Amino acid sequence: MAVGQATSTRASFAGDPLAPRHPHVADALDRGAIGVSAAEVIRRFTDGLATRCERADLEASERWLVERAPQVGIDGLVRLIKQLEARLDPEGVKPREDELRARRGLSIWEDASGVINLKGAFDPVNGAPIKLAIETLVGVELRRARDAKRPFGSADDGEIDGVGTDGVGIGPGDTGPGGTGPGGTDPVMGEVRTIQQLNADALADIARLSLTSKQAPAALRAVTVVARVDAVDFTSGRGHATLDGIDQPISIASVHELATAAGIAPMLMGEGHHVLEFGRAARLFSAAQKIALVERDGGCAWPGCSRPPSHAEAHHIAWWKRDNGTTDLANGIMLCAFHHHRVHDDGWRIEIRDGRSWFIPPARLDPHQRPRPGNAGPRHPANRPPGRTGRTGRTGRISPMQSADAA
């Protein structure tokens, strides 16, 4: 009705016909160049500025928007109007910004099913870094999935049924003899998350990083997420645990995964709820060990994962409690939170061979359980061009610890 009134001919007091209030919109509608939705967006914009702009400027803006609407669509039209409004009414930019800032807010609650829900609205200044950080992390994952061109198990020289002539498996990222050829992806290593799940994981990574960052506010550096678990349950693997501030119980398996995560500590409780052990203190990899692991793995060691060292943590390959795993380089692996969960949930095995990690899938994902090579650091021999020499002046491999010491 509003569009109809704005684009219909009118009559003067004397009964003479007058042109529509929005002649360019009316003409475009008659010709079928734009639809009613686009016409309403343009009408609302020009009517809203009618008292603050010159009539000639509004008419020129209406004509320009009508011309652009078929090319940019409704969403593009809204973006153009925001820029045009700032040019036509520069004095109104600050009041509009203040209005948006007043509408900011974030609600966090746990629903009846145990899911932590977030619902928020942010003004442009506060929302921009949030949007950029999440979109950047998600974009990296999407590009990694798109660029995974090397299939697993394609026949080539030096390879028999997906296994190199040296007896070790091959996979995405391998080069040279025994490597795979172009034309597909390894379905076992493919990205399985939706865009919404990628967004959620990115926000969780950012929060974990903020809890341990030296540049974080002092209040964040002084807190940690505590997982409370009975010591008997933790050892047996049966039972449940709780996270401080969260009502929904979590599994013992999740506590094992969190045992060495940044900003999270398992608190073991005995009879009478006495504290028996505050988890990370005795099992945490040292700074020097992390340097060596980063030298070997680059960041997250999961094949093809692009998470940098700041978004990965050192984890025990053989679990500290269940397997009596030791905190040494041979038992360490750098993993981001998502792939740490995937290793545990899917039952992957990890081996370290010749200073490089190898990921062995469970039989239900790959009946042959062919190993996939993990990521390697930029100075790792696996990433060195053929014939390149080390610092000794001869071709050879530098161990992760030697590289870390040299660095």
Protein backbone atom coordinates (compact mmCIF):
# COMPACT_ATOMS: atom_id res chain seq x y z
CA MET A 1 0.00 0.00 0.00
CA ALA A 2 2.84 2.39 0.83
CA VAL A 3 4.49 1.75 -2.55
CA GLY A 4 1.16 2.14 -4.31
CA GLN A 5 0.52 5.50 -2.71
CA ALA A 6 4.07 6.68 -3.47
CA THR A 7 3.92 5.70 -7.16
CA SER A 8 0.33 6.62 -8.08
CA THR A 9 -0.64 9.77 -9.91
CA ARG A 10 -2.16 12.49 -7.75
CA ALA A 11 -4.54 15.38 -8.21
CA SER A 12 -4.02 19.02 -7.28
CA PHE A 13 -6.60 21.08 -5.36
CA ALA A 14 -7.87 22.25 -8.71
CA GLY A 15 -8.22 18.67 -9.93
CA ASP A 16 -5.24 18.72 -12.26
CA PRO A 17 -3.18 15.48 -12.46
CA LEU A 18 0.20 15.48 -10.72
CA ALA A 19 3.18 13.17 -11.15
CA PRO A 20 3.78 10.47 -8.53
CA ARG A 21 5.83 11.42 -5.47
CA HIS A 22 8.48 8.92 -6.63
CA PRO A 23 8.40 9.13 -10.43
CA HIS A 24 11.56 7.06 -11.08
CA VAL A 25 10.34 4.23 -8.86
CA ALA A 26 6.90 4.38 -10.52
CA ASP A 27 8.43 4.18 -14.01
CA ALA A 28 10.68 1.24 -13.03
CA LEU A 29 7.70 -0.61 -11.57
CA ASP A 30 5.63 -0.04 -14.71
CA ARG A 31 8.48 -1.39 -16.86
CA GLY A 32 9.05 -4.37 -14.56
CA ALA A 33 12.66 -3.32 -13.95
CA ILE A 34 12.29 -3.60 -10.17
CA GLY A 35 9.91 -5.39 -7.84
CA VAL A 36 7.77 -4.12 -4.99
CA SER A 37 10.39 -5.05 -2.35
CA ALA A 38 13.12 -2.96 -4.02
CA ALA A 39 10.65 -0.12 -4.56
CA GLU A 40 9.78 -0.12 -0.85
CA VAL A 41 13.47 0.02 0.18
CA ILE A 42 14.05 3.05 -2.05
CA ARG A 43 10.79 4.74 -0.95
CA ARG A 44 11.54 4.32 2.74
CA PHE A 45 15.05 5.74 2.29
CA THR A 46 14.02 8.85 0.34
CA ASP A 47 11.03 9.57 2.57
CA GLY A 48 13.22 9.28 5.65
CA LEU A 49 15.61 11.95 4.37
CA ALA A 50 12.97 14.23 2.86
CA THR A 51 13.24 16.82 5.66
CA ARG A 52 17.07 16.79 5.84
CA CYS A 53 18.15 16.92 2.19
CA GLU A 54 17.58 19.04 -0.89
CA ARG A 55 14.84 17.83 -3.20
CA ALA A 56 17.23 17.73 -6.15
CA ASP A 57 19.66 15.49 -4.25
CA LEU A 58 16.88 13.11 -3.29
CA GLU A 59 15.59 12.90 -6.86
CA ALA A 60 19.08 12.19 -8.19
CA SER A 61 19.58 9.53 -5.51
CA GLU A 62 16.25 7.91 -6.35
CA ARG A 63 17.14 7.74 -10.04
CA TRP A 64 20.59 6.26 -9.29
CA LEU A 65 19.19 3.61 -6.93
CA VAL A 66 16.54 2.60 -9.46
CA GLU A 67 19.25 2.14 -12.09
CA ARG A 68 21.44 0.07 -9.76
CA ALA A 69 18.70 -2.07 -8.17
CA PRO A 70 18.42 -4.69 -10.98
CA GLN A 71 22.17 -5.33 -10.83
CA VAL A 72 22.77 -5.46 -7.07
CA GLY A 73 19.52 -6.94 -5.71
CA ILE A 74 17.89 -6.17 -2.37
CA ASP A 75 20.97 -6.86 -0.22
CA GLY A 76 23.21 -4.78 -2.44
CA LEU A 77 20.62 -2.01 -2.48
CA VAL A 78 20.64 -1.86 1.33
CA ARG A 79 24.45 -1.55 1.33
CA LEU A 80 24.35 1.23 -1.26
CA ILE A 81 21.73 3.12 0.75
CA LYS A 82 23.87 3.06 3.89
CA GLN A 83 26.74 4.71 2.03
CA LEU A 84 24.46 7.14 0.23
CA GLU A 85 22.73 8.16 3.46
CA ALA A 86 26.09 9.02 5.05
CA ARG A 87 26.95 11.25 2.07
CA LEU A 88 23.60 13.04 1.92
CA ASP A 89 23.25 13.46 5.68
CA PRO A 90 26.76 13.59 7.23
CA GLU A 91 25.42 15.18 10.41
CA GLY A 92 23.26 12.12 11.01
CA VAL A 93 26.10 9.56 11.00
CA LYS A 94 27.02 10.04 14.66
CA PRO A 95 23.41 9.91 15.98
CA ARG A 96 22.77 6.73 13.98
CA GLU A 97 25.98 5.22 15.34
CA ASP A 98 24.96 6.11 18.91
CA GLU A 99 21.58 4.49 18.34
CA LEU A 100 23.19 1.25 17.14
CA ARG A 101 25.60 1.24 20.08
CA ALA A 102 22.69 1.62 22.50
CA ARG A 103 21.13 -1.53 21.00
CA ARG A 104 24.19 -3.70 21.60
CA GLY A 105 23.90 -6.68 23.92
CA LEU A 106 24.83 -10.32 24.40
CA SER A 107 22.83 -13.01 26.18
CA ILE A 108 24.37 -16.33 27.25
CA TRP A 109 22.26 -19.10 28.73
CA GLU A 110 22.14 -22.86 29.10
CA ASP A 111 18.91 -24.38 27.83
CA ALA A 112 17.10 -27.43 29.12
CA SER A 113 19.04 -29.76 26.81
CA GLY A 114 22.42 -28.53 28.10
CA VAL A 115 23.39 -26.46 25.04
CA ILE A 116 25.08 -23.11 25.73
CA ASN A 117 23.24 -20.50 23.66
CA LEU A 118 24.53 -17.08 22.60
CA LYS A 119 22.38 -14.34 21.14
CA GLY A 120 23.93 -10.98 20.53
CA ALA A 121 23.79 -7.70 18.68
CA PHE A 122 26.80 -5.43 18.22
CA ASP A 123 27.33 -1.95 16.89
CA PRO A 124 29.73 -1.69 13.92
CA VAL A 125 32.79 -0.70 15.97
CA ASN A 126 32.46 -3.55 18.48
CA GLY A 127 31.14 -6.07 15.98
CA ALA A 128 33.85 -5.61 13.34
CA PRO A 129 36.71 -7.36 15.21
CA ILE A 130 34.40 -10.22 16.22
CA LYS A 131 33.19 -10.69 12.66
CA LEU A 132 36.70 -10.40 11.19
CA ALA A 133 38.29 -12.86 13.64
CA ILE A 134 35.66 -15.55 13.11
CA GLU A 135 35.45 -15.10 9.34
CA THR A 136 39.25 -15.24 9.02
CA LEU A 137 39.53 -18.53 10.90
CA VAL A 138 36.59 -20.04 9.03
CA GLY A 139 37.94 -18.78 5.70
CA VAL A 140 41.24 -20.54 6.29
CA GLU A 141 39.43 -23.83 6.93
CA LEU A 142 37.25 -23.43 3.84
CA ARG A 143 40.27 -22.69 1.64
CA ARG A 144 42.04 -25.72 3.05
CA ALA A 145 39.07 -27.93 2.20
CA ARG A 146 38.77 -26.40 -1.28
CA ASP A 147 42.47 -26.75 -2.06
CA ALA A 148 42.75 -30.39 -0.95
CA LYS A 149 43.46 -31.61 -4.48
CA ARG A 150 45.60 -34.66 -3.79
CA PRO A 151 43.58 -37.89 -3.45
CA PHE A 152 44.58 -40.74 -1.19
CA GLY A 153 45.42 -44.13 -2.63
CA SER A 154 45.74 -43.31 -6.34
CA ALA A 155 48.15 -45.62 -8.11
CA ASP A 156 51.48 -44.14 -9.12
CA ASP A 157 55.12 -45.11 -9.48
CA GLY A 158 56.55 -46.38 -6.22
CA GLU A 159 53.09 -47.05 -4.74
CA ILE A 160 51.12 -50.26 -4.35
CA ASP A 161 47.48 -49.92 -3.23
CA GLY A 162 48.03 -46.65 -1.39
CA VAL A 163 51.30 -47.73 0.29
CA GLY A 164 54.71 -46.53 -0.81
CA THR A 165 57.46 -48.94 -1.71
CA ASP A 166 59.12 -48.10 1.60
CA GLY A 167 56.16 -49.66 3.43
CA VAL A 168 54.66 -46.54 4.95
CA GLY A 169 51.33 -45.03 3.99
CA ILE A 170 50.96 -41.91 1.93
CA GLY A 171 48.34 -39.23 1.89
CA PRO A 172 47.54 -35.59 1.28
CA GLY A 173 50.62 -33.46 1.52
CA ASP A 174 53.10 -36.19 0.45
CA THR A 175 55.30 -35.33 -2.50
CA GLY A 176 57.84 -37.14 -4.59
CA PRO A 177 57.93 -40.89 -5.25
CA GLY A 178 54.94 -42.64 -3.76
CA GLY A 179 52.93 -39.42 -3.58
CA THR A 180 49.42 -39.18 -4.91
CA GLY A 181 48.32 -37.53 -8.10
CA PRO A 182 45.80 -34.77 -8.79
CA GLY A 183 42.09 -35.17 -9.16
CA GLY A 184 40.27 -35.72 -5.89
CA THR A 185 40.30 -35.62 -2.11
CA ASP A 186 40.81 -38.06 0.70
CA PRO A 187 37.29 -38.59 2.11
CA VAL A 188 38.67 -39.75 5.45
CA MET A 189 40.45 -36.43 6.02
CA GLY A 190 37.73 -34.21 4.53
CA GLU A 191 36.06 -31.32 6.35
CA VAL A 192 32.90 -32.53 8.05
CA ARG A 193 31.68 -29.34 9.75
CA THR A 194 28.94 -26.99 8.61
CA ILE A 195 29.57 -23.24 8.34
CA GLN A 196 27.69 -22.74 11.61
CA GLN A 197 29.87 -25.35 13.34
CA LEU A 198 33.01 -23.72 11.93
CA ASN A 199 31.81 -20.37 13.30
CA ALA A 200 31.22 -21.92 16.74
CA ASP A 201 34.61 -23.62 16.81
CA ALA A 202 36.35 -20.40 15.75
CA LEU A 203 34.70 -18.44 18.58
CA ALA A 204 35.65 -21.16 21.08
CA ASP A 205 39.28 -21.06 19.85
CA ILE A 206 39.36 -17.30 20.32
CA ALA A 207 38.02 -17.64 23.87
CA ARG A 208 40.57 -20.33 24.79
CA LEU A 209 43.39 -18.21 23.44
CA SER A 210 42.23 -15.19 25.45
CA LEU A 211 42.39 -17.18 28.70
CA THR A 212 46.12 -17.80 28.30
CA SER A 213 47.32 -14.80 26.31
CA LYS A 214 49.85 -12.57 28.05
CA GLN A 215 48.16 -9.59 26.40
CA ALA A 216 44.73 -10.49 27.79
CA PRO A 217 43.20 -8.36 30.57
CA ALA A 218 44.50 -9.24 34.03
CA ALA A 219 41.09 -10.57 35.07
CA LEU A 220 41.19 -13.21 32.29
CA ARG A 221 44.74 -14.27 33.10
CA ALA A 222 43.70 -14.92 36.69
CA VAL A 223 40.88 -17.37 35.94
CA THR A 224 40.59 -20.88 34.56
CA VAL A 225 37.75 -23.22 33.66
CA VAL A 226 37.69 -26.00 36.26
CA ALA A 227 36.41 -29.50 35.50
CA ARG A 228 35.54 -31.27 38.77
CA VAL A 229 35.70 -35.06 38.68
CA ASP A 230 35.87 -37.88 41.19
CA ALA A 231 39.35 -39.42 41.16
CA VAL A 232 37.95 -42.96 40.95
CA ASP A 233 35.77 -42.02 37.97
CA PHE A 234 38.68 -40.28 36.28
CA THR A 235 40.87 -43.37 36.62
CA SER A 236 38.21 -45.92 35.65
CA GLY A 237 36.80 -43.88 32.76
CA ARG A 238 33.24 -44.35 34.02
CA GLY A 239 31.08 -41.66 35.57
CA HIS A 240 30.82 -37.97 34.85
CA ALA A 241 32.32 -34.58 35.65
CA THR A 242 31.08 -31.00 35.90
CA LEU A 243 32.42 -27.69 34.62
CA ASP A 244 32.23 -24.73 36.97
CA GLY A 245 29.35 -22.48 35.95
CA ILE A 246 27.72 -25.13 33.69
CA ASP A 247 24.85 -27.35 34.87
CA GLN A 248 25.08 -30.05 32.19
CA PRO A 249 27.45 -32.92 33.22
CA ILE A 250 30.20 -33.96 30.79
CA SER A 251 31.75 -37.36 30.15
CA ILE A 252 35.02 -38.63 31.60
CA ALA A 253 36.29 -38.92 28.02
CA SER A 254 35.84 -35.17 27.60
CA VAL A 255 37.74 -34.53 30.86
CA HIS A 256 40.65 -36.59 29.52
CA GLU A 257 40.68 -34.43 26.40
CA LEU A 258 40.61 -31.26 28.49
CA ALA A 259 43.36 -32.39 30.84
CA THR A 260 46.08 -30.43 29.05
CA ALA A 261 43.97 -27.80 27.31
CA ALA A 262 44.84 -24.16 27.82
CA GLY A 263 42.69 -22.38 30.37
CA ILE A 264 41.06 -25.60 31.63
CA ALA A 265 42.14 -27.72 34.60
CA PRO A 266 40.68 -31.01 35.86
CA MET A 267 40.29 -30.95 39.65
CA LEU A 268 40.34 -34.49 41.02
CA MET A 269 38.12 -35.03 44.07
CA GLY A 270 38.34 -37.86 46.60
CA GLU A 271 36.00 -38.89 49.38
CA GLY A 272 34.47 -35.90 51.11
CA HIS A 273 35.32 -33.82 48.04
CA HIS A 274 38.89 -33.18 49.17
CA VAL A 275 41.19 -31.98 46.39
CA LEU A 276 43.63 -34.76 45.50
CA GLU A 277 45.29 -33.20 42.45
CA PHE A 278 45.02 -30.01 40.41
CA GLY A 279 45.52 -31.54 36.95
CA ARG A 280 47.78 -29.49 34.68
CA ALA A 281 50.55 -28.62 37.11
CA ALA A 282 52.38 -31.96 36.94
CA ARG A 283 51.61 -32.97 33.37
CA LEU A 284 52.00 -29.73 31.39
CA PHE A 285 54.55 -29.68 28.59
CA SER A 286 57.27 -27.12 29.22
CA ALA A 287 57.82 -24.04 27.04
CA ALA A 288 61.00 -25.58 25.60
CA GLN A 289 59.16 -28.78 24.70
CA LYS A 290 56.39 -26.81 22.98
CA ILE A 291 59.00 -24.98 20.92
CA ALA A 292 60.39 -28.30 19.74
CA LEU A 293 56.91 -29.70 19.02
CA VAL A 294 55.99 -26.59 17.00
CA GLU A 295 59.27 -26.98 15.12
CA ARG A 296 58.19 -30.49 14.18
CA ASP A 297 54.42 -29.99 13.63
CA GLY A 298 54.21 -26.32 12.56
CA GLY A 299 50.89 -25.81 14.35
CA CYS A 300 48.07 -28.31 14.60
CA ALA A 301 49.57 -31.57 13.32
CA TRP A 302 46.30 -32.89 11.84
CA PRO A 303 46.89 -33.39 8.09
CA GLY A 304 45.98 -30.23 6.23
CA CYS A 305 44.84 -28.24 9.29
CA SER A 306 46.01 -24.64 9.09
CA ARG A 307 45.58 -23.68 12.76
CA PRO A 308 48.77 -21.84 13.85
CA PRO A 309 50.71 -22.66 17.05
CA SER A 310 48.71 -20.06 18.99
CA HIS A 311 45.55 -22.10 18.36
CA ALA A 312 47.06 -25.49 19.18
CA GLU A 313 48.10 -27.15 22.44
CA ALA A 314 50.60 -29.86 23.28
CA HIS A 315 48.76 -33.11 24.07
CA HIS A 316 49.88 -36.55 25.18
CA ILE A 317 49.65 -39.23 22.49
CA ALA A 318 49.54 -41.89 25.20
CA TRP A 319 47.22 -40.42 27.81
CA TRP A 320 48.72 -39.28 31.07
CA LYS A 321 46.36 -41.22 33.33
CA ARG A 322 44.92 -44.03 31.22
CA ASP A 323 48.15 -45.05 29.48
CA ASN A 324 50.71 -43.72 32.00
CA GLY A 325 51.97 -41.53 29.18
CA THR A 326 55.12 -39.52 29.72
CA THR A 327 55.57 -35.81 29.12
CA ASP A 328 58.34 -35.99 26.53
CA LEU A 329 58.70 -35.09 22.89
CA ALA A 330 58.12 -38.64 21.66
CA ASN A 331 54.72 -38.62 23.35
CA GLY A 332 53.71 -35.06 22.43
CA ILE A 333 51.58 -33.77 19.57
CA MET A 334 50.28 -30.30 18.72
CA LEU A 335 46.52 -30.31 18.06
CA CYS A 336 43.80 -27.69 17.82
CA ALA A 337 40.70 -28.21 19.96
CA PHE A 338 38.53 -29.58 17.13
CA HIS A 339 41.02 -32.15 15.89
CA HIS A 340 41.91 -33.12 19.46
CA HIS A 341 38.24 -34.03 19.91
CA ARG A 342 38.18 -35.84 16.57
CA VAL A 343 41.22 -37.97 17.45
CA HIS A 344 39.57 -39.07 20.69
CA ASP A 345 36.01 -39.43 19.41
CA ASP A 346 36.88 -41.39 16.25
CA GLY A 347 39.62 -43.49 17.82
CA TRP A 348 42.59 -42.41 15.68
CA ARG A 349 46.06 -43.64 16.62
CA ILE A 350 49.08 -41.37 16.32
CA GLU A 351 52.66 -42.51 15.79
CA ILE A 352 55.90 -40.54 15.54
CA ARG A 353 58.29 -41.88 12.90
CA ASP A 354 61.57 -40.22 11.94
CA GLY A 355 60.57 -36.95 13.55
CA ARG A 356 57.12 -36.74 11.92
CA SER A 357 53.60 -37.56 13.08
CA TRP A 358 51.43 -40.15 11.35
CA PHE A 359 47.67 -40.47 11.86
CA ILE A 360 46.17 -43.96 11.62
CA PRO A 361 42.37 -44.02 11.20
CA PRO A 362 40.08 -46.57 12.83
CA ALA A 363 39.01 -49.53 10.72
CA ARG A 364 35.47 -48.21 10.34
CA LEU A 365 36.82 -45.17 8.47
CA ASP A 366 39.51 -47.01 6.50
CA PRO A 367 39.52 -50.83 6.59
CA HIS A 368 43.19 -50.81 5.54
CA GLN A 369 44.08 -48.28 8.29
CA ARG A 370 46.65 -46.62 6.06
CA PRO A 371 48.63 -43.92 7.90
CA ARG A 372 48.24 -40.28 6.90
CA PRO A 373 51.26 -38.01 7.36
CA GLY A 374 50.71 -35.14 9.76
CA ASN A 375 51.69 -31.55 9.14
CA ALA A 376 55.33 -30.60 9.43
CA GLY A 377 57.01 -27.37 10.46
CA PRO A 378 58.43 -25.00 7.83
CA ARG A 379 62.02 -26.12 8.54
CA HIS A 380 61.17 -29.80 8.76
CA PRO A 381 62.95 -31.98 6.17
CA ALA A 382 59.58 -32.92 4.67
CA ASN A 383 59.14 -29.33 3.50
CA ARG A 384 62.67 -28.89 2.22
CA PRO A 385 63.10 -28.85 -1.60
CA PRO A 386 65.06 -31.79 -3.04
CA GLY A 387 68.83 -31.23 -2.88
CA ARG A 388 68.64 -28.43 -0.32
CA THR A 389 71.42 -28.66 2.23
CA GLY A 390 71.31 -28.12 5.95
CA ARG A 391 73.61 -25.96 8.03
CA THR A 392 76.24 -28.69 8.07
CA GLY A 393 76.75 -28.17 4.34
CA ARG A 394 75.40 -31.60 3.45
CA THR A 395 71.96 -32.88 2.65
CA GLY A 396 70.33 -34.38 5.70
CA ARG A 397 67.65 -34.07 8.35
CA ILE A 398 67.75 -31.86 11.40
CA SER A 399 65.95 -33.27 14.40
CA PRO A 400 63.18 -31.14 15.93
CA MET A 401 65.20 -30.56 19.11
CA GLN A 402 68.30 -29.58 17.14
CA SER A 403 66.25 -27.08 15.12
CA ALA A 404 64.72 -25.64 18.28
CA ASP A 405 68.14 -25.26 19.92
CA ALA A 406 69.52 -23.60 16.80
CA ALA A 407 66.56 -21.23 16.67
